[in-house]
Protein backbone atom coordinates (compact mmCIF):
# COMPACT_ATOMS: atom_id res chain seq x y z
CA MET A 1 107.31 100.56 116.91
CA LEU A 2 105.59 97.50 117.72
CA ASN A 3 102.45 99.84 117.60
CA LEU A 4 103.68 100.75 114.19
CA LEU A 5 103.49 96.92 113.30
CA SER A 6 100.03 95.95 114.78
CA ILE A 7 99.12 98.74 112.33
CA GLU A 8 100.95 97.51 109.13
CA LEU A 9 99.41 93.71 109.88
CA SER A 10 95.89 95.32 109.81
CA PHE A 11 96.65 96.98 106.34
CA ILE A 12 96.65 93.15 105.38
CA LEU A 13 93.38 92.34 106.58
CA ILE A 14 91.82 95.26 105.52
CA ILE A 15 92.98 94.66 101.90
CA LEU A 16 91.80 91.05 102.20
CA MET A 17 88.51 92.19 102.50
CA LEU A 18 88.35 94.70 99.94
CA THR A 19 90.01 92.49 97.26
CA PRO A 20 86.89 90.95 96.18
CA ALA A 21 85.03 93.76 95.23
CA TYR A 22 88.38 95.39 93.47
CA ALA A 23 88.41 92.69 91.17
CA SER A 24 85.12 90.85 90.83
CA GLN A 25 83.63 92.15 87.36
CA LEU A 26 85.27 93.15 83.96
CA GLY A 27 84.36 96.76 83.09
CA LEU A 28 84.87 99.05 79.74
CA ASN A 29 85.39 102.64 79.45
CA GLU A 30 87.68 104.90 77.81
CA GLY A 31 91.19 104.38 78.46
CA SER A 32 90.70 100.67 79.01
CA THR A 33 92.91 98.17 77.42
CA LEU A 34 91.31 94.76 76.47
CA PHE A 35 94.56 92.18 76.37
CA TYR A 36 94.22 88.92 74.28
CA LYS A 37 96.34 85.93 73.12
CA CYS A 38 95.69 85.47 69.54
CA ALA A 39 96.52 81.90 67.90
CA ARG A 40 96.54 81.01 64.06
CA ILE A 41 95.59 77.11 63.02
CA SER A 42 97.02 76.47 59.55
CA SER A 43 97.57 73.04 57.73
CA GLY A 44 100.17 74.99 55.48
CA ILE A 45 104.07 75.80 56.09
CA SER A 46 103.02 78.10 59.36
CA GLY A 47 101.46 75.50 61.14
CA TYR A 48 100.71 77.36 64.64
CA GLN A 49 101.35 80.83 65.23
CA THR A 50 100.74 83.11 68.58
CA TRP A 51 101.06 86.50 69.51
CA ASP A 52 99.75 88.92 71.60
CA ASP A 53 97.51 92.03 70.94
CA SER A 54 96.21 94.71 73.59
CA LEU A 55 93.39 97.22 72.49
CA LYS A 56 93.21 100.35 73.60
CA ILE A 57 89.66 102.06 74.05
CA LEU A 58 90.18 105.77 72.67
CA THR A 59 86.14 106.29 72.67
CA LEU A 60 83.49 104.87 74.04
CA ASN A 61 79.89 106.23 74.27
CA GLU A 62 76.50 105.34 72.96
CA THR A 63 76.68 105.95 69.43
CA ALA A 64 80.54 104.81 68.93
CA LEU A 65 83.82 102.66 69.52
CA ILE A 66 86.83 103.23 68.22
CA PHE A 67 89.85 101.34 69.55
CA GLN A 68 93.44 100.77 68.56
CA SER A 69 95.25 97.50 67.84
CA SER A 70 99.10 96.90 69.30
CA SER A 71 99.79 94.50 66.97
CA THR A 72 98.60 96.03 63.82
CA SER A 73 98.68 99.72 64.85
CA SER A 74 95.43 100.35 63.19
CA LYS A 75 92.35 101.72 64.62
CA VAL A 76 88.86 100.44 64.42
CA THR A 77 85.65 102.20 64.38
CA ALA A 78 81.98 100.39 65.35
CA LYS A 79 79.13 102.55 65.43
CA TYR A 80 75.79 101.80 67.57
CA GLN A 81 72.29 103.12 67.19
CA ASP A 82 69.91 102.32 70.55
CA GLY A 83 71.92 99.91 71.87
CA THR A 84 72.90 97.35 68.78
CA PRO A 85 75.77 97.64 66.43
CA THR A 86 75.21 98.97 63.02
CA TYR A 87 78.45 99.09 61.54
CA ILE A 88 82.22 98.05 61.98
CA ASP A 89 85.07 98.51 60.04
CA TYR A 90 85.21 94.46 59.93
CA LEU A 91 82.97 92.06 61.48
CA THR A 92 85.56 90.02 63.37
CA ALA A 93 86.60 93.21 65.64
CA LEU A 94 83.21 93.21 67.48
CA ILE A 95 84.68 93.41 70.59
CA TYR A 96 81.72 95.02 72.71
CA LEU A 97 78.00 94.48 72.79
CA PRO A 98 75.85 97.21 74.65
CA PRO A 99 73.48 95.76 77.33
CA GLU A 100 70.49 96.46 75.32
CA CYS A 101 71.80 93.95 72.35
CA LEU A 102 72.95 91.76 74.81
CA ALA A 103 69.31 91.50 76.37
CA GLU A 104 67.86 91.09 73.02
CA SER A 105 70.46 88.40 72.31
CA LEU A 106 70.15 86.40 75.57
CA LEU A 107 66.13 86.28 74.81
CA GLY A 108 66.94 84.81 71.34
CA ASN A 109 66.53 87.89 69.21
CA LEU A 110 69.52 87.99 66.96
CA ASN A 111 67.95 89.96 63.86
CA TRP A 112 70.49 92.59 64.91
CA THR A 113 73.52 90.65 63.48
CA THR A 114 71.90 90.71 60.01
CA HIS A 115 71.81 94.86 59.77
CA ILE A 116 75.76 95.46 60.28
CA ASN A 117 77.38 97.24 57.55
CA THR A 118 81.08 96.32 57.21
CA HIS A 119 83.84 97.37 54.76
CA THR A 120 83.73 93.57 53.88
CA LEU A 121 80.37 93.57 52.88
CA ALA A 122 79.85 90.05 55.12
CA THR A 123 76.57 88.74 54.98
CA VAL A 124 75.03 86.85 57.95
CA THR A 125 72.71 83.83 56.43
CA GLU A 126 72.92 81.69 59.42
CA LYS A 127 72.85 82.63 63.57
CA THR A 128 72.34 80.86 66.60
CA SER A 129 73.16 81.54 70.50
CA GLN A 130 73.38 79.71 73.91
CA THR A 131 74.20 80.56 77.30
CA LEU A 132 77.13 78.94 78.86
CA ASN A 133 79.86 79.29 81.55
CA PHE A 134 82.91 79.73 79.58
CA THR A 135 86.41 78.99 81.16
CA LEU A 136 89.34 80.84 79.91
CA GLN A 137 92.86 82.23 81.34
CA ALA A 138 91.14 85.40 82.73
CA GLY A 139 88.69 83.54 84.78
CA THR A 140 84.99 81.68 84.39
CA PHE A 141 82.00 83.86 83.06
CA GLN A 142 78.55 83.61 82.12
CA SER A 143 78.53 83.90 78.60
CA LEU A 144 76.85 84.48 75.77
CA ASN A 145 77.74 82.47 72.78
CA LEU A 146 76.94 83.32 69.32
CA THR A 147 77.77 81.43 65.91
CA LEU A 148 77.34 83.36 62.69
CA THR A 149 77.94 82.00 59.18
CA LEU A 150 79.07 84.37 56.89
CA THR A 151 79.03 84.61 52.92
CA GLY A 152 80.86 87.14 50.59
CA LEU A 153 84.21 88.65 50.69
CA ASP A 154 84.95 87.22 54.11
CA SER A 155 82.91 83.69 54.16
CA GLY A 156 83.16 81.32 57.03
CA THR A 157 81.95 80.67 60.54
CA LEU A 158 82.82 83.22 63.15
CA THR A 159 82.16 82.36 66.86
CA PHE A 160 81.75 85.06 69.53
CA ILE A 161 81.63 84.55 73.14
CA TYR A 162 81.11 87.54 75.38
CA ASP A 163 80.63 88.31 79.28
CA VAL A 164 76.99 88.67 79.68
CA ASN A 165 78.11 91.21 82.89
CA SER A 166 79.86 93.58 80.81
CA GLY A 167 79.49 92.60 77.07
CA ILE A 168 83.45 92.46 76.35
CA LEU A 169 84.18 89.76 74.11
CA ILE A 170 86.05 86.99 75.81
CA TYR A 171 86.66 84.55 72.95
CA GLU A 172 86.55 84.43 69.25
CA GLN A 173 87.15 81.79 66.60
CA TRP A 174 86.90 82.56 63.26
CA THR A 175 87.26 79.72 60.40
CA PRO A 176 87.59 81.34 56.76
CA THR A 177 86.41 79.07 53.92
CA TYR A 178 89.97 78.98 52.85
CA GLY A 179 90.75 76.42 56.18
CA ASP A 180 92.86 78.52 58.51
CA ILE A 181 91.29 78.80 62.09
CA ILE A 182 92.25 82.21 64.27
CA THR A 183 91.43 82.55 67.78
CA LEU A 184 91.45 85.22 70.38
CA SER A 185 91.24 84.40 74.11
CA LEU A 186 90.78 87.46 76.49
CA MET A 187 93.80 87.28 79.19
CA THR A 188 92.39 90.31 81.32
CA VAL A 189 91.08 94.09 81.13
CA THR A 190 92.78 96.77 82.43
CA ASN A 191 91.03 100.17 83.33
CA ALA A 192 91.99 103.58 83.54
CA PRO A 193 92.59 104.44 87.33
CA GLY A 194 89.97 106.58 89.20
CA THR A 195 90.70 108.31 92.14
CA GLN A 196 89.24 105.90 94.53
CA GLN A 197 91.10 102.84 92.96
CA THR A 198 94.38 105.31 93.06
CA ILE A 199 93.67 105.62 97.07
CA LEU A 200 93.28 101.96 97.16
CA ASP A 201 96.63 101.37 95.35
CA LEU A 202 98.57 103.39 97.82
CA ILE A 203 97.58 101.36 100.97
CA LEU A 204 99.46 98.27 100.75
CA PRO A 205 102.36 100.33 99.53
CA ALA A 206 101.98 102.61 102.50
CA GLY A 207 102.30 99.34 104.79
CA ALA A 208 105.36 97.83 102.78
CA LEU A 209 107.31 101.19 103.32
CA ALA A 210 106.27 101.98 106.73
CA THR A 211 108.49 99.61 108.93
CA PRO A 212 111.76 99.73 106.59
CA VAL A 213 111.11 103.71 106.76
CA ALA A 214 110.82 103.82 110.31
CA THR A 215 113.61 101.74 110.99
CA LEU A 216 115.90 103.70 108.73
CA VAL A 217 114.94 107.03 110.38
CA HIS A 218 115.52 105.84 114.07
CA GLN A 219 119.03 103.55 113.23
CA THR A 220 120.14 106.95 111.79
CA ARG A 221 119.18 109.27 114.59
CA LYS A 222 120.77 106.73 116.81
CA ALA A 223 123.86 106.85 114.48
CA PHE A 224 124.11 110.48 114.86
CA GLN A 225 123.39 110.72 118.59
CA LYS A 226 126.08 108.04 119.27
CA ARG A 227 128.35 110.08 116.65
CA ARG A 228 128.00 113.50 118.85
CA ARG A 229 128.36 111.63 121.91
CA ARG A 230 131.33 109.75 120.79
CA GLU A 231 129.94 106.42 121.98
CA GLN A 232 131.27 103.39 120.70
CA GLN A 233 128.40 100.98 120.15
CA PRO A 234 128.67 97.52 122.35
CA LYS A 235 129.52 94.47 119.96
CA ASN A 236 126.56 92.67 120.64
CA ALA A 237 124.24 95.51 120.36
CA ALA A 238 123.24 94.49 116.87
CA VAL A 239 122.76 90.94 117.35
CA LYS A 240 119.87 90.08 119.54
CA SER A 241 117.09 87.50 120.08
CA GLY A 242 117.30 84.54 117.73
CA PHE A 243 119.70 86.09 114.83
CA SER A 244 123.46 86.17 114.98
CA LYS A 245 125.17 88.47 113.05
CA LYS A 246 125.53 86.93 109.35
CA PRO A 247 122.11 85.56 109.47
CA PHE A 248 120.70 88.49 110.24
CA TYR A 249 121.95 90.44 107.38
CA ALA A 250 120.98 87.48 105.09
CA ILE A 251 117.57 87.87 106.19
CA LEU A 252 117.75 92.26 105.85
CA ALA A 253 119.18 91.47 102.20
CA GLY A 254 116.33 89.02 101.84
CA ALA A 255 113.79 91.59 103.57
CA MET A 256 114.91 94.13 101.00
CA LEU A 257 114.76 92.17 97.82
CA ASN A 258 110.96 91.46 99.03
CA LEU A 259 110.46 94.97 99.22
CA ALA A 260 111.62 95.97 96.11
CA SER A 261 109.72 93.13 94.22
CA VAL A 262 106.90 94.93 94.66
CA PHE A 263 107.57 98.11 92.79
CA LEU A 264 109.18 95.87 90.03
CA PRO A 265 107.28 94.41 86.69
CA TRP A 266 105.86 90.74 86.92
CA SER A 267 105.30 90.07 83.62
CA GLN A 268 105.56 92.03 80.15
CA PHE A 269 102.80 91.94 77.59
CA SER A 270 103.02 93.07 74.20
CA GLY A 271 106.09 94.85 74.94
CA SER A 272 105.13 96.64 77.93
CA GLN A 273 106.11 96.19 81.37
CA ILE A 274 103.44 94.68 84.03
CA TYR A 275 103.08 95.19 87.27
CA LEU A 276 101.16 94.23 90.43
CA PRO A 277 97.91 95.62 90.98
CA LEU A 278 97.20 97.34 94.33
CA SER A 279 101.09 98.53 93.80
CA LEU A 280 102.40 101.92 93.88
CA PRO A 281 103.46 101.72 90.05
CA SER A 282 99.43 100.73 89.36
CA ALA A 283 98.76 104.03 91.12
CA LEU A 284 101.30 106.05 89.70
CA THR A 285 101.05 104.79 85.69
CA GLU A 286 97.88 105.00 83.70
CA SER A 287 98.85 101.57 82.22
CA SER A 288 99.79 99.52 85.33
CA GLY A 289 99.42 96.25 83.35
CA PRO A 290 96.60 93.76 82.45
CA PHE A 291 96.27 92.70 86.19
CA THR A 292 94.15 94.89 87.63
CA SER A 293 90.99 93.68 87.25
CA THR A 294 91.95 89.95 87.59
CA SER A 295 90.97 88.42 91.43
CA THR A 296 93.74 86.11 90.98
CA PHE A 297 96.60 88.79 90.48
CA ALA A 298 95.04 91.30 93.16
CA ALA A 299 95.39 87.96 95.55
CA ILE A 300 99.47 87.74 94.42
CA SER A 301 99.86 90.98 95.11
CA LEU A 302 98.14 90.96 98.48
CA ILE A 303 100.67 87.77 99.28
CA ALA A 304 103.69 89.61 97.90
CA HIS A 305 103.28 92.74 99.86
CA ALA A 306 102.29 90.67 102.85
CA THR A 307 105.84 88.82 102.48
CA ALA A 308 107.32 92.13 102.47
CA ILE A 309 105.76 93.36 105.66
CA LEU A 310 106.47 90.48 107.59
CA ALA A 311 109.88 90.19 106.41
CA TRP A 312 110.52 93.85 107.66
CA ALA A 313 108.13 93.02 110.82
CA SER A 314 110.52 90.69 112.01
CA ILE A 315 113.58 93.04 111.42
CA ALA A 316 112.03 95.39 113.46
CA MET A 317 111.02 92.95 116.26
CA HIS A 318 114.73 91.48 116.43
CA LEU A 319 115.97 95.02 116.86
CA TYR A 320 113.76 96.28 119.18
CA THR A 321 112.32 93.63 121.40
CA THR A 322 114.44 90.86 123.20
CA LYS A 323 111.58 88.29 121.53
CA LYS A 324 113.49 85.24 120.27
CA VAL A 325 110.71 82.75 118.41
CA THR A 326 108.33 85.69 117.25
CA PRO A 327 111.18 87.17 114.60
CA GLN A 328 111.75 83.89 113.63
CA LEU A 329 108.09 82.51 112.96
CA ALA A 330 107.63 86.29 110.78
CA THR A 331 110.37 85.46 108.85
CA ILE A 332 109.19 81.96 108.25
CA THR A 333 105.85 83.20 106.81
CA SER A 334 107.20 85.74 104.85
CA SER A 335 109.43 82.97 103.04
CA ILE A 336 106.33 80.78 102.84
CA LEU A 337 104.32 83.65 101.25
CA ALA A 338 107.18 84.65 98.71
CA PHE A 339 107.06 80.94 97.47
CA ALA A 340 103.33 81.07 97.22
CA SER A 341 102.82 84.23 95.56
CA ALA A 342 105.53 82.65 92.73
CA ALA A 343 103.67 79.36 92.23
CA ILE A 344 100.48 81.10 91.73
CA PHE A 345 101.75 83.46 89.74
CA ILE A 346 103.85 80.38 87.64
CA GLN A 347 100.23 78.67 87.31
CA THR A 348 98.66 81.38 85.52
CA GLY A 349 100.89 81.34 82.48
CA TRP A 350 102.13 84.96 82.22
CA THR A 351 105.56 85.35 81.25
CA SER A 352 107.71 86.24 84.81
CA SER A 353 109.93 89.05 84.94
CA TRP A 354 112.23 90.69 87.55
CA GLY A 355 109.68 91.14 90.06
CA LEU A 356 109.21 87.20 90.46
CA LEU A 357 112.33 86.40 90.30
CA ILE A 358 113.24 89.00 93.19
CA MET A 359 110.71 87.81 95.35
CA VAL A 360 111.84 84.19 94.92
CA THR A 361 115.43 85.60 95.75
CA GLY A 362 113.82 87.27 98.91
CA GLY A 363 112.30 83.91 100.11
CA ILE A 364 115.33 82.04 99.36
CA LEU A 365 117.69 84.28 101.41
CA THR A 366 115.33 84.80 104.41
CA ILE A 367 114.53 81.24 104.85
CA ALA A 368 118.42 80.45 104.39
CA GLY A 369 119.05 83.28 107.41
CA THR A 370 116.69 81.63 109.56
CA ALA A 371 117.76 78.39 109.27
CA ALA A 372 121.43 79.06 109.97
CA ALA A 373 120.45 81.25 112.93
CA ASN A 374 118.61 78.41 114.73
CA ILE A 375 122.06 75.82 113.35
CA LYS A 376 123.96 78.10 115.08
CA ILE A 377 121.73 78.73 118.27
CA GLU A 378 121.42 74.82 118.36
CA ILE A 379 125.44 74.60 118.15
CA THR A 380 126.28 77.08 120.97
CA THR A 381 123.62 75.05 123.25
CA GLU A 382 125.26 72.09 122.91
CA GLU A 383 128.86 73.46 123.49
CA GLN A 384 127.32 75.68 126.65
CA LYS A 385 125.81 72.03 127.87
CA GLU A 386 129.03 70.16 127.36
CA SER A 387 130.65 73.29 128.96
CA GLU A 388 128.11 72.42 132.16
CA ASP A 389 128.95 68.96 132.22
CA THR A 390 132.35 69.20 131.96
CA SER A 391 132.32 71.59 134.92
CA THR A 392 130.18 69.20 137.08
CA LEU A 393 132.72 66.86 136.60
């Protein structure tokens, strides 16, 4: 059992080394989904409106990009030739630039912007570009900023900001002549899981499940053996080391909640349940949510799984060793990590769901159980000391 705990804790170090490679850059392919926070600023009665939109990439190759919007349920088609866009249903939907087009634009060659055909027959009359580091909720990106002035049926000023590494649109602002301002801000991108990513997503869940499963199997086998021998378990057999009975059950309940939280959704977006990356749901479902390509959520997932692993490590050490301090240190560390994962998640601005709430509840139970155990130990020690002083007199 102790060897198993050592193996489990090594999982945390392995994933810590792999996480930067797992979530360093955005990427786009067929099956990817882009998640945007949209807003409309109007001087009229409607005022300020926000909504979520996810764009599912249906087709992506050298000549065509087709995606479907969740907010409108419509499909949009863009066509490319020699790495530059030649047609798109409407210009504001230009969510991707191929590497060839990006390279030309970074050199200041924006002639391609005047050769894009659209349904609205918009004409580009002015065009400017610049490079900048742009920060938004999805992260900070080295970016290409394009500003276009349009005339025709759709007239106004259109600003695109693209990530130069992936060609993905990370921010857009459309200011038509009638005065409204419409913005799109990238929250993140999720890619269809490949075999290597799926294997990686199974490592942490395996580490989180190993100790509780092994403990359950061992305790069940012991129960059957005792039943066959018709032996009674000693009263103090379930209460060892630094935990008394009731605090132990509180810590056990907290550990169970910590474990459950990594399999539950942590947020919602456009009506979809969002799970943590590097988790079992992200390995078993095609759309694990938009957390899969951001290093922040990969770190949250790592911390959440470490919380469950340490909580169950403390349970196992309590049951199978005579150590007093080590199980409590593991429990306290687990509680701190639970609150840390919640704090980091709240700072991202995403809507919270059951996973976050369950994780916080588990952290409260484990820290409360540890505190109660220490209070009982302190009271017991004081009573023994008074008893010894009385007997001495």
